[in-house]
Amino acid sequence: MATKKKKTVRRTTLRSSKGTKLYAVRNADGTFKDIQTYKRAHSADLRKTSKAEATTKKAKKTVKPKAAKRKATRKKAAKKKASAK
């Protein structure tokens, strides 16, 4: 049996009578399923990590950490000899 891929939800951007930007999600028949403010929906999207981000984050954790780099120490400048005049 083949597994169904979850279809991404398409959101339409609208403006309210006050001028606030809105996201509207529609049902298959075209009626509104959900209406959210753009600000709330966008911040929720940023909080949620995608599957691709999660796998790369997991892969980075399993990699051995590299040895700490040593700081380059500066050599002190040699003192100049006083020239006799």
C-alpha atoms as a PDB file:
ATOM      1  CA  MET A   1       0.000   0.000   0.000  1.00  0.00           C
ATOM      2  CA  ALA A   2       1.310   3.388  -0.938  1.00  0.00           C
ATOM      3  CA  THR A   3       1.206   6.104   1.692  1.00  0.00           C
ATOM      4  CA  LYS A   4      -0.512   9.354   0.851  1.00  0.00           C
ATOM      5  CA  LYS A   5       1.555  12.499   0.884  1.00  0.00           C
ATOM      6  CA  LYS A   6       0.057  15.204   3.015  1.00  0.00           C
ATOM      7  CA  LYS A   7      -0.897  18.099   0.796  1.00  0.00           C
ATOM      8  CA  THR A   8       0.306  21.465   2.011  1.00  0.00           C
ATOM      9  CA  VAL A   9      -2.430  23.870   2.984  1.00  0.00           C
ATOM     10  CA  ARG A  10      -2.747  26.866   0.712  1.00  0.00           C
ATOM     11  CA  ARG A  11      -3.487  30.109   2.460  1.00  0.00           C
ATOM     12  CA  THR A  12      -4.980  33.140   0.800  1.00  0.00           C
ATOM     13  CA  THR A  13      -3.974  36.566   2.068  1.00  0.00           C
ATOM     14  CA  LEU A  14      -6.796  39.033   2.626  1.00  0.00           C
ATOM     15  CA  ARG A  15      -7.244  42.386   4.326  1.00  0.00           C
ATOM     16  CA  SER A  16      -9.859  43.067   6.979  1.00  0.00           C
ATOM     17  CA  SER A  17     -12.003  46.200   7.035  1.00  0.00           C
ATOM     18  CA  LYS A  18      -9.502  47.670   9.548  1.00  0.00           C
ATOM     19  CA  GLY A  19      -6.635  46.925   7.162  1.00  0.00           C
ATOM     20  CA  THR A  20      -5.154  44.003   9.122  1.00  0.00           C
ATOM     21  CA  LYS A  21      -3.555  41.339   6.955  1.00  0.00           C
ATOM     22  CA  LEU A  22      -5.285  37.940   7.252  1.00  0.00           C
ATOM     23  CA  TYR A  23      -4.642  34.370   6.180  1.00  0.00           C
ATOM     24  CA  ALA A  24      -7.689  32.390   5.038  1.00  0.00           C
ATOM     25  CA  VAL A  25      -7.696  28.591   4.618  1.00  0.00           C
ATOM     26  CA  ARG A  26     -10.436  27.179   2.417  1.00  0.00           C
ATOM     27  CA  ASN A  27     -12.175  23.787   2.363  1.00  0.00           C
ATOM     28  CA  ALA A  28     -12.388  21.675  -0.773  1.00  0.00           C
ATOM     29  CA  ASP A  29     -15.785  23.213  -1.545  1.00  0.00           C
ATOM     30  CA  GLY A  30     -14.344  26.745  -1.331  1.00  0.00           C
ATOM     31  CA  THR A  31     -15.801  27.883   1.990  1.00  0.00           C
ATOM     32  CA  PHE A  32     -13.535  29.322   4.670  1.00  0.00           C
ATOM     33  CA  LYS A  33     -12.209  26.684   7.019  1.00  0.00           C
ATOM     34  CA  ASP A  34     -10.004  28.927   9.139  1.00  0.00           C
ATOM     35  CA  ILE A  35      -9.122  32.617   9.250  1.00  0.00           C
ATOM     36  CA  GLN A  36      -6.070  33.845  11.194  1.00  0.00           C
ATOM     37  CA  THR A  37      -4.200  37.086  11.444  1.00  0.00           C
ATOM     38  CA  TYR A  38      -1.027  37.110   9.384  1.00  0.00           C
ATOM     39  CA  LYS A  39       1.035  38.083  12.433  1.00  0.00           C
ATOM     40  CA  ARG A  40      -0.119  35.085  14.481  1.00  0.00           C
ATOM     41  CA  ALA A  41       0.151  32.573  11.659  1.00  0.00           C
ATOM     42  CA  HIS A  42       3.581  33.784  10.562  1.00  0.00           C
ATOM     43  CA  SER A  43       5.024  33.641  14.089  1.00  0.00           C
ATOM     44  CA  ALA A  44       3.617  30.115  14.503  1.00  0.00           C
ATOM     45  CA  ASP A  45       5.280  29.103  11.224  1.00  0.00           C
ATOM     46  CA  LEU A  46       8.624  30.415  12.458  1.00  0.00           C
ATOM     47  CA  ARG A  47       8.326  28.521  15.755  1.00  0.00           C
ATOM     48  CA  LYS A  48       7.621  25.233  13.990  1.00  0.00           C
ATOM     49  CA  THR A  49      10.677  23.392  12.633  1.00  0.00           C
ATOM     50  CA  SER A  50      10.356  21.531   9.356  1.00  0.00           C
ATOM     51  CA  LYS A  51      11.304  17.879   8.920  1.00  0.00           C
ATOM     52  CA  ALA A  52      14.327  18.889   6.841  1.00  0.00           C
ATOM     53  CA  GLU A  53      15.576  21.230   9.570  1.00  0.00           C
ATOM     54  CA  ALA A  54      15.040  18.587  12.243  1.00  0.00           C
ATOM     55  CA  THR A  55      17.047  15.935  10.369  1.00  0.00           C
ATOM     56  CA  THR A  56      19.970  18.282   9.700  1.00  0.00           C
ATOM     57  CA  LYS A  57      19.946  19.387  13.328  1.00  0.00           C
ATOM     58  CA  LYS A  58      19.990  15.752  14.435  1.00  0.00           C
ATOM     59  CA  ALA A  59      22.838  14.944  12.031  1.00  0.00           C
ATOM     60  CA  LYS A  60      24.903  17.846  13.346  1.00  0.00           C
ATOM     61  CA  LYS A  61      24.531  16.599  16.920  1.00  0.00           C
ATOM     62  CA  THR A  62      25.907  13.141  16.059  1.00  0.00           C
ATOM     63  CA  VAL A  63      29.054  14.526  14.391  1.00  0.00           C
ATOM     64  CA  LYS A  64      32.080  14.604  16.696  1.00  0.00           C
ATOM     65  CA  PRO A  65      33.008  18.116  17.761  1.00  0.00           C
ATOM     66  CA  LYS A  66      36.298  19.353  16.355  1.00  0.00           C
ATOM     67  CA  ALA A  67      39.223  20.146  18.617  1.00  0.00           C
ATOM     68  CA  ALA A  68      39.276  23.704  19.861  1.00  0.00           C
ATOM     69  CA  LYS A  69      41.465  26.020  17.850  1.00  0.00           C
ATOM     70  CA  ARG A  70      44.397  27.596  19.614  1.00  0.00           C
ATOM     71  CA  LYS A  71      44.655  31.311  19.661  1.00  0.00           C
ATOM     72  CA  ALA A  72      47.604  32.644  17.725  1.00  0.00           C
ATOM     73  CA  THR A  73      49.978  34.289  20.164  1.00  0.00           C
ATOM     74  CA  ARG A  74      51.734  37.405  19.008  1.00  0.00           C
ATOM     75  CA  LYS A  75      55.463  37.589  19.316  1.00  0.00           C
ATOM     76  CA  LYS A  76      56.706  40.592  21.184  1.00  0.00           C
ATOM     77  CA  ALA A  77      58.605  43.061  19.056  1.00  0.00           C
ATOM     78  CA  ALA A  78      62.346  43.112  19.636  1.00  0.00           C
ATOM     79  CA  LYS A  79      63.648  46.195  21.379  1.00  0.00           C
ATOM     80  CA  LYS A  80      65.469  48.610  19.135  1.00  0.00           C
ATOM     81  CA  LYS A  81      69.067  49.304  19.938  1.00  0.00           C
ATOM     82  CA  ALA A  82      69.909  52.897  20.728  1.00  0.00           C
ATOM     83  CA  SER A  83      72.167  54.216  17.992  1.00  0.00           C
ATOM     84  CA  ALA A  84      75.088  56.346  19.083  1.00  0.00           C
ATOM     85  CA  LYS A  85      75.375  59.735  17.423  1.00  0.00           C
END
